[in-house]
Amino acid sequence: MECDAVIHRRNGDYALVEIKLYSDERIEVGAENLKKVRNKINTDKMKEPKFMAVLTGSPFSYRRDDGIYVISIFSFGP
């Protein structure tokens, strides 16, 4: 169990990011993995993550019903 990146700010805020090739199945695997990692965090000692995201080659970026963002690398292109 792991996530590919943790974006951490000086104020203690952080986000969890999984990087997956595009397919609905891989996005789902990434999202489930993020939830498992989040559930292992001791929130008595640390804040909850500000957000969780799956960075992918999907043609679309969106927010899932569970609150996890799917971010398309193509959203940043020309």
N, C-alpha and C. Protein backbone atom coordinates (compact mmCIF):
# COMPACT_ATOMS: atom_id res chain seq x y z
N MET A 1 0.84 -1.17 0.00
CA MET A 1 0.00 0.00 0.00
C MET A 1 0.89 1.24 0.00
N GLU A 2 0.63 2.13 -0.94
CA GLU A 2 1.41 3.35 -1.06
C GLU A 2 0.67 4.32 -1.96
N CYS A 3 1.12 5.56 -1.96
CA CYS A 3 0.65 6.50 -2.98
C CYS A 3 1.89 7.06 -3.66
N ASP A 4 1.73 7.54 -4.87
CA ASP A 4 2.89 7.94 -5.66
C ASP A 4 3.48 9.29 -5.26
N ALA A 5 2.65 10.17 -4.73
CA ALA A 5 3.17 11.49 -4.36
C ALA A 5 2.37 12.06 -3.19
N VAL A 6 3.06 12.80 -2.35
CA VAL A 6 2.42 13.56 -1.29
C VAL A 6 2.84 15.01 -1.51
N ILE A 7 1.85 15.86 -1.70
CA ILE A 7 2.11 17.29 -1.83
C ILE A 7 1.94 17.87 -0.43
N HIS A 8 3.00 18.45 0.11
CA HIS A 8 2.99 18.89 1.50
C HIS A 8 3.29 20.37 1.58
N ARG A 9 2.50 21.10 2.37
CA ARG A 9 2.72 22.54 2.56
C ARG A 9 3.28 22.79 3.96
N ARG A 10 3.91 23.93 4.13
CA ARG A 10 4.53 24.26 5.42
C ARG A 10 3.53 24.32 6.57
N ASN A 11 2.27 24.65 6.28
CA ASN A 11 1.26 24.75 7.34
C ASN A 11 0.71 23.40 7.77
N GLY A 12 1.23 22.32 7.19
CA GLY A 12 0.78 20.97 7.56
C GLY A 12 -0.27 20.40 6.64
N ASP A 13 -0.83 21.22 5.75
CA ASP A 13 -1.78 20.70 4.78
C ASP A 13 -1.04 19.79 3.79
N TYR A 14 -1.73 18.78 3.30
CA TYR A 14 -1.12 17.88 2.33
C TYR A 14 -2.19 17.23 1.47
N ALA A 15 -1.76 16.68 0.34
CA ALA A 15 -2.65 15.96 -0.57
C ALA A 15 -1.97 14.65 -0.95
N LEU A 16 -2.77 13.65 -1.25
CA LEU A 16 -2.28 12.35 -1.69
C LEU A 16 -2.58 12.19 -3.18
N VAL A 17 -1.60 11.73 -3.96
CA VAL A 17 -1.76 11.61 -5.40
C VAL A 17 -1.30 10.24 -5.88
N GLU A 18 -2.11 9.62 -6.71
CA GLU A 18 -1.77 8.38 -7.40
C GLU A 18 -1.62 8.72 -8.87
N ILE A 19 -0.69 8.09 -9.55
CA ILE A 19 -0.49 8.30 -10.98
C ILE A 19 -0.81 6.98 -11.68
N LYS A 20 -1.75 7.03 -12.61
CA LYS A 20 -2.20 5.82 -13.30
C LYS A 20 -2.36 6.10 -14.79
N LEU A 21 -2.03 5.11 -15.61
CA LEU A 21 -2.35 5.19 -17.03
C LEU A 21 -3.86 5.21 -17.17
N TYR A 22 -4.33 5.74 -18.27
CA TYR A 22 -5.77 5.89 -18.43
C TYR A 22 -6.48 4.57 -18.74
N SER A 23 -7.42 4.29 -17.92
CA SER A 23 -8.49 3.31 -18.13
C SER A 23 -9.37 3.45 -16.91
N ASP A 24 -10.65 3.23 -17.09
CA ASP A 24 -11.56 3.35 -15.95
C ASP A 24 -11.16 2.41 -14.82
N GLU A 25 -10.68 1.23 -15.17
CA GLU A 25 -10.28 0.26 -14.16
C GLU A 25 -9.07 0.75 -13.37
N ARG A 26 -8.08 1.32 -14.05
CA ARG A 26 -6.87 1.81 -13.37
C ARG A 26 -7.18 3.02 -12.49
N ILE A 27 -8.08 3.89 -12.95
CA ILE A 27 -8.50 5.03 -12.13
C ILE A 27 -9.16 4.52 -10.86
N GLU A 28 -10.00 3.51 -10.99
CA GLU A 28 -10.68 2.93 -9.82
C GLU A 28 -9.67 2.32 -8.85
N VAL A 29 -8.68 1.60 -9.38
CA VAL A 29 -7.63 1.02 -8.53
C VAL A 29 -6.89 2.13 -7.79
N GLY A 30 -6.55 3.20 -8.49
CA GLY A 30 -5.85 4.32 -7.87
C GLY A 30 -6.68 4.96 -6.77
N ALA A 31 -7.96 5.17 -7.02
CA ALA A 31 -8.84 5.78 -6.03
C ALA A 31 -8.98 4.88 -4.79
N GLU A 32 -9.14 3.61 -5.00
CA GLU A 32 -9.27 2.68 -3.86
C GLU A 32 -7.98 2.66 -3.05
N ASN A 33 -6.85 2.70 -3.72
CA ASN A 33 -5.56 2.73 -3.03
C ASN A 33 -5.44 3.99 -2.17
N LEU A 34 -5.85 5.14 -2.71
CA LEU A 34 -5.81 6.39 -1.95
C LEU A 34 -6.67 6.29 -0.69
N LYS A 35 -7.84 5.69 -0.81
CA LYS A 35 -8.73 5.53 0.36
C LYS A 35 -8.09 4.65 1.42
N LYS A 36 -7.41 3.59 0.99
CA LYS A 36 -6.72 2.71 1.94
C LYS A 36 -5.61 3.46 2.68
N VAL A 37 -4.84 4.25 1.95
CA VAL A 37 -3.76 5.03 2.58
C VAL A 37 -4.36 6.03 3.56
N ARG A 38 -5.41 6.75 3.13
CA ARG A 38 -6.06 7.74 4.00
C ARG A 38 -6.57 7.08 5.29
N ASN A 39 -7.11 5.89 5.19
CA ASN A 39 -7.65 5.21 6.37
C ASN A 39 -6.57 4.76 7.34
N LYS A 40 -5.30 4.72 6.91
CA LYS A 40 -4.19 4.36 7.80
C LYS A 40 -3.61 5.56 8.54
N ILE A 41 -4.00 6.76 8.16
CA ILE A 41 -3.44 7.98 8.76
C ILE A 41 -4.06 8.20 10.14
N ASN A 42 -3.20 8.40 11.12
CA ASN A 42 -3.66 8.68 12.48
C ASN A 42 -4.04 10.15 12.56
N THR A 43 -5.34 10.43 12.46
CA THR A 43 -5.81 11.82 12.45
C THR A 43 -5.79 12.47 13.83
N ASP A 44 -5.40 11.72 14.86
CA ASP A 44 -5.15 12.35 16.16
C ASP A 44 -3.82 13.10 16.13
N LYS A 45 -2.91 12.66 15.24
CA LYS A 45 -1.59 13.26 15.15
C LYS A 45 -1.40 14.11 13.91
N MET A 46 -2.22 13.87 12.88
CA MET A 46 -2.08 14.54 11.59
C MET A 46 -3.44 14.97 11.08
N LYS A 47 -3.44 15.99 10.27
CA LYS A 47 -4.68 16.42 9.62
C LYS A 47 -5.11 15.39 8.58
N GLU A 48 -6.38 15.47 8.19
CA GLU A 48 -6.86 14.73 7.02
C GLU A 48 -6.23 15.36 5.79
N PRO A 49 -6.06 14.61 4.70
CA PRO A 49 -5.56 15.24 3.48
C PRO A 49 -6.54 16.29 2.97
N LYS A 50 -6.01 17.39 2.44
CA LYS A 50 -6.86 18.44 1.86
C LYS A 50 -7.61 17.91 0.65
N PHE A 51 -6.95 17.08 -0.14
CA PHE A 51 -7.61 16.42 -1.26
C PHE A 51 -6.80 15.19 -1.65
N MET A 52 -7.45 14.33 -2.43
CA MET A 52 -6.81 13.16 -3.01
C MET A 52 -7.10 13.18 -4.50
N ALA A 53 -6.12 12.74 -5.30
CA ALA A 53 -6.30 12.81 -6.75
C ALA A 53 -5.60 11.66 -7.44
N VAL A 54 -6.18 11.26 -8.56
CA VAL A 54 -5.55 10.31 -9.49
C VAL A 54 -5.15 11.13 -10.71
N LEU A 55 -3.86 11.23 -10.96
CA LEU A 55 -3.33 11.91 -12.13
C LEU A 55 -3.23 10.89 -13.25
N THR A 56 -3.84 11.19 -14.40
CA THR A 56 -3.99 10.17 -15.43
C THR A 56 -3.97 10.76 -16.83
N GLY A 57 -3.91 9.90 -17.80
CA GLY A 57 -3.99 10.29 -19.20
C GLY A 57 -5.41 10.34 -19.72
N SER A 58 -6.37 10.32 -18.84
CA SER A 58 -7.77 10.43 -19.22
C SER A 58 -8.00 11.71 -20.02
N PRO A 59 -8.94 11.71 -20.94
CA PRO A 59 -9.21 12.95 -21.68
C PRO A 59 -9.99 13.98 -20.86
N PHE A 60 -10.45 13.61 -19.66
CA PHE A 60 -11.29 14.50 -18.86
C PHE A 60 -10.77 14.60 -17.43
N SER A 61 -10.99 15.76 -16.82
CA SER A 61 -10.75 15.95 -15.39
C SER A 61 -12.11 16.12 -14.72
N TYR A 62 -12.27 15.53 -13.56
CA TYR A 62 -13.55 15.61 -12.87
C TYR A 62 -13.38 15.23 -11.41
N ARG A 63 -14.40 15.50 -10.61
CA ARG A 63 -14.43 15.09 -9.21
C ARG A 63 -15.40 13.92 -9.09
N ARG A 64 -14.92 12.82 -8.54
CA ARG A 64 -15.75 11.63 -8.36
C ARG A 64 -16.74 11.84 -7.21
N ASP A 65 -17.75 10.98 -7.16
CA ASP A 65 -18.73 11.06 -6.08
C ASP A 65 -18.12 10.88 -4.70
N ASP A 66 -16.98 10.16 -4.61
CA ASP A 66 -16.33 9.94 -3.32
C ASP A 66 -15.38 11.10 -2.96
N GLY A 67 -15.35 12.15 -3.79
CA GLY A 67 -14.54 13.32 -3.50
C GLY A 67 -13.13 13.29 -4.07
N ILE A 68 -12.74 12.18 -4.66
CA ILE A 68 -11.40 12.06 -5.24
C ILE A 68 -11.41 12.70 -6.63
N TYR A 69 -10.40 13.53 -6.87
CA TYR A 69 -10.28 14.19 -8.17
C TYR A 69 -9.56 13.27 -9.16
N VAL A 70 -10.03 13.27 -10.38
CA VAL A 70 -9.33 12.63 -11.49
C VAL A 70 -8.81 13.79 -12.33
N ILE A 71 -7.49 13.91 -12.43
CA ILE A 71 -6.88 15.05 -13.11
C ILE A 71 -6.17 14.55 -14.35
N SER A 72 -6.61 15.06 -15.48
CA SER A 72 -6.03 14.69 -16.77
C SER A 72 -4.76 15.48 -17.02
N ILE A 73 -3.70 14.78 -17.41
CA ILE A 73 -2.48 15.51 -17.75
C ILE A 73 -2.70 16.33 -19.02
N PHE A 74 -3.71 15.98 -19.80
CA PHE A 74 -4.02 16.72 -21.03
C PHE A 74 -4.71 18.03 -20.72
N SER A 75 -5.20 18.22 -19.51
CA SER A 75 -5.82 19.49 -19.13
C SER A 75 -4.79 20.60 -19.06
N PHE A 76 -3.51 20.25 -18.96
CA PHE A 76 -2.45 21.24 -18.79
C PHE A 76 -1.77 21.58 -20.10
N GLY A 77 -2.14 20.92 -21.19
CA GLY A 77 -1.47 21.11 -22.47
C GLY A 77 -1.97 22.33 -23.21
N PRO A 78 -1.42 22.57 -24.41
CA PRO A 78 -1.81 23.74 -25.22
C PRO A 78 -3.24 23.67 -25.71
